[in-house]
Amino acid sequence: MSLGVKIAVAIATKIAEKDRTATSIRIFGFKGSDVTMTKGDDKSIAAKADRALDNGYTVTTGKSSYCWLDLDKKIMLKMDQNSKIQVDRTPLRKLLVSVLKGSITKTTAAELVKDGILKAEGDLEAIRKGPGIGMAIRG
């Protein structure tokens, strides 16, 4: 990969660190059948909605798969297909989402409706305030 391409990828996937740090990070939902997660060097396991992520976890999306991460029930991130993120603990005990491959973008309830993850924009707050049950749509 040329330096110009590396710089373009870095700029395209750069989200302010404050929008990638949280005290809790959960898989909100996913679309597609090729979303896996690992803890450290353990074997890959299928990702599950409402699964908490902690230090050392990685999440990977494959071809035609997407994953949504909920940070502190305030910020929603969308992992694009063929992406990989890692969750690390910062010196201030916050969790940080780092992009290892592909890209993540900050997303909104309206975009979740457009992507078919929610039926209505108001559903996001209802789910966040509910008993902690997430959702997954497999395609």
Protein backbone atom coordinates (compact mmCIF):
# COMPACT_ATOMS: atom_id res chain seq x y z
CA MET A 1 0.00 0.00 0.00
CA SER A 2 1.44 3.36 -1.00
CA LEU A 3 1.98 6.15 1.52
CA GLY A 4 -0.75 8.24 -0.13
CA VAL A 5 -3.27 5.41 0.26
CA LYS A 6 -2.25 4.86 3.91
CA ILE A 7 -2.74 8.57 4.64
CA ALA A 8 -6.13 8.58 2.88
CA VAL A 9 -7.25 5.54 4.90
CA ALA A 10 -6.05 7.15 8.14
CA ILE A 11 -7.99 10.34 7.38
CA ALA A 12 -11.12 8.48 6.26
CA THR A 13 -11.26 6.36 9.42
CA LYS A 14 -10.22 9.07 11.88
CA ILE A 15 -12.89 9.78 14.43
CA ALA A 16 -12.01 12.05 17.34
CA GLU A 17 -10.64 10.02 20.24
CA LYS A 18 -13.38 11.38 22.50
CA ASP A 19 -15.88 9.67 20.17
CA ARG A 20 -13.99 6.37 20.41
CA THR A 21 -13.55 6.21 24.22
CA ALA A 22 -16.08 5.08 26.77
CA THR A 23 -16.51 3.36 30.12
CA SER A 24 -18.67 0.68 28.46
CA ILE A 25 -18.73 -0.65 24.91
CA ARG A 26 -21.31 -3.15 23.67
CA ILE A 27 -22.15 -4.75 20.37
CA PHE A 28 -25.53 -3.19 19.62
CA GLY A 29 -26.31 -5.32 16.61
CA PHE A 30 -24.98 -6.57 13.34
CA LYS A 31 -26.01 -7.44 9.83
CA GLY A 32 -24.60 -10.38 7.89
CA SER A 33 -23.29 -13.73 9.02
CA ASP A 34 -19.56 -13.01 9.14
CA VAL A 35 -19.06 -11.00 12.33
CA THR A 36 -16.67 -12.56 14.84
CA MET A 37 -15.01 -11.51 18.06
CA THR A 38 -12.02 -12.70 20.04
CA LYS A 39 -10.62 -12.07 23.49
CA GLY A 40 -6.85 -11.84 23.30
CA ASP A 41 -5.41 -14.88 21.51
CA ASP A 42 -8.49 -17.06 22.04
CA LYS A 43 -10.38 -18.65 19.17
CA SER A 44 -12.89 -16.56 17.26
CA ILE A 45 -16.47 -16.82 18.43
CA ALA A 46 -19.66 -15.60 16.82
CA ALA A 47 -20.56 -12.08 17.86
CA LYS A 48 -23.75 -11.58 19.86
CA ALA A 49 -25.90 -8.50 20.23
CA ASP A 50 -25.66 -6.79 23.62
CA ARG A 51 -22.28 -8.41 24.29
CA ALA A 52 -20.01 -6.21 26.40
CA LEU A 53 -16.50 -5.66 25.06
CA ASP A 54 -13.53 -5.10 27.34
CA ASN A 55 -9.79 -4.70 27.15
CA GLY A 56 -8.22 -6.99 24.55
CA TYR A 57 -11.36 -7.82 22.57
CA THR A 58 -11.32 -7.60 18.79
CA VAL A 59 -14.34 -7.56 16.48
CA THR A 60 -14.07 -8.39 12.79
CA THR A 61 -16.61 -7.96 10.01
CA GLY A 62 -16.34 -9.92 6.79
CA LYS A 63 -17.67 -9.40 3.30
CA SER A 64 -21.23 -7.98 3.35
CA SER A 65 -21.27 -7.80 7.16
CA TYR A 66 -21.62 -4.72 9.39
CA CYS A 67 -21.51 -4.25 13.16
CA TRP A 68 -22.81 -1.41 15.35
CA LEU A 69 -21.09 -0.57 18.63
CA ASP A 70 -22.77 1.40 21.42
CA LEU A 71 -20.39 3.45 23.56
CA ASP A 72 -21.80 4.45 26.97
CA LYS A 73 -25.31 4.36 25.45
CA LYS A 74 -24.48 7.76 23.89
CA ILE A 75 -22.34 7.24 20.79
CA MET A 76 -23.08 4.71 18.06
CA LEU A 77 -20.31 3.54 15.75
CA LYS A 78 -20.78 1.50 12.57
CA MET A 79 -18.08 -0.91 11.46
CA ASP A 80 -18.05 -1.28 7.69
CA GLN A 81 -17.59 -4.60 5.93
CA ASN A 82 -14.08 -6.11 6.02
CA SER A 83 -13.13 -4.12 9.12
CA LYS A 84 -11.42 -5.01 12.38
CA ILE A 85 -11.35 -3.06 15.63
CA GLN A 86 -9.63 -3.66 18.95
CA VAL A 87 -10.72 -2.45 22.37
CA ASP A 88 -7.93 -1.33 24.71
CA ARG A 89 -7.91 0.25 28.15
CA THR A 90 -6.33 3.70 28.37
CA PRO A 91 -4.18 4.84 31.32
CA LEU A 92 -7.27 6.71 32.64
CA ARG A 93 -9.25 3.41 32.70
CA LYS A 94 -11.39 4.31 29.68
CA LEU A 95 -11.95 1.87 26.84
CA LEU A 96 -10.67 2.94 23.42
CA VAL A 97 -11.82 1.58 20.03
CA SER A 98 -8.88 1.36 17.60
CA VAL A 99 -9.32 0.57 13.92
CA LEU A 100 -6.92 -2.18 12.81
CA LYS A 101 -8.41 -2.63 9.33
CA GLY A 102 -11.22 -1.07 7.31
CA SER A 103 -13.23 1.77 8.78
CA ILE A 104 -15.70 2.87 11.43
CA THR A 105 -18.02 5.84 11.29
CA LYS A 106 -20.15 7.63 13.83
CA THR A 107 -23.82 6.97 13.09
CA THR A 108 -27.29 8.14 14.15
CA ALA A 109 -30.67 6.62 14.89
CA ALA A 110 -31.90 7.80 11.47
CA GLU A 111 -29.08 5.89 9.78
CA LEU A 112 -29.91 2.80 11.86
CA VAL A 113 -33.47 2.96 10.49
CA LYS A 114 -32.13 3.38 6.95
CA ASP A 115 -29.82 0.36 7.45
CA GLY A 116 -32.76 -1.75 8.67
CA ILE A 117 -31.44 -2.17 12.22
CA LEU A 118 -34.24 -0.14 13.84
CA LYS A 119 -37.86 0.26 12.78
CA ALA A 120 -38.12 3.84 14.08
CA GLU A 121 -35.66 6.44 15.35
CA GLY A 122 -37.27 6.43 18.82
CA ASP A 123 -36.46 2.73 19.19
CA LEU A 124 -32.79 3.51 19.92
CA GLU A 125 -33.52 5.36 23.16
CA ALA A 126 -36.14 2.77 24.18
CA ILE A 127 -33.61 -0.02 23.75
CA ARG A 128 -30.90 1.92 25.59
CA LYS A 129 -33.26 2.57 28.53
CA GLY A 130 -34.65 -0.97 28.50
CA PRO A 131 -33.44 -4.02 30.41
CA GLY A 132 -30.22 -4.24 28.38
CA ILE A 133 -31.47 -6.46 25.60
CA GLY A 134 -29.85 -5.69 22.26
CA MET A 135 -30.87 -6.85 18.84
CA ALA A 136 -29.31 -8.48 15.83
CA ILE A 137 -30.54 -8.76 12.30
CA ARG A 138 -28.87 -11.44 10.29
CA GLY A 139 -29.03 -11.26 6.57
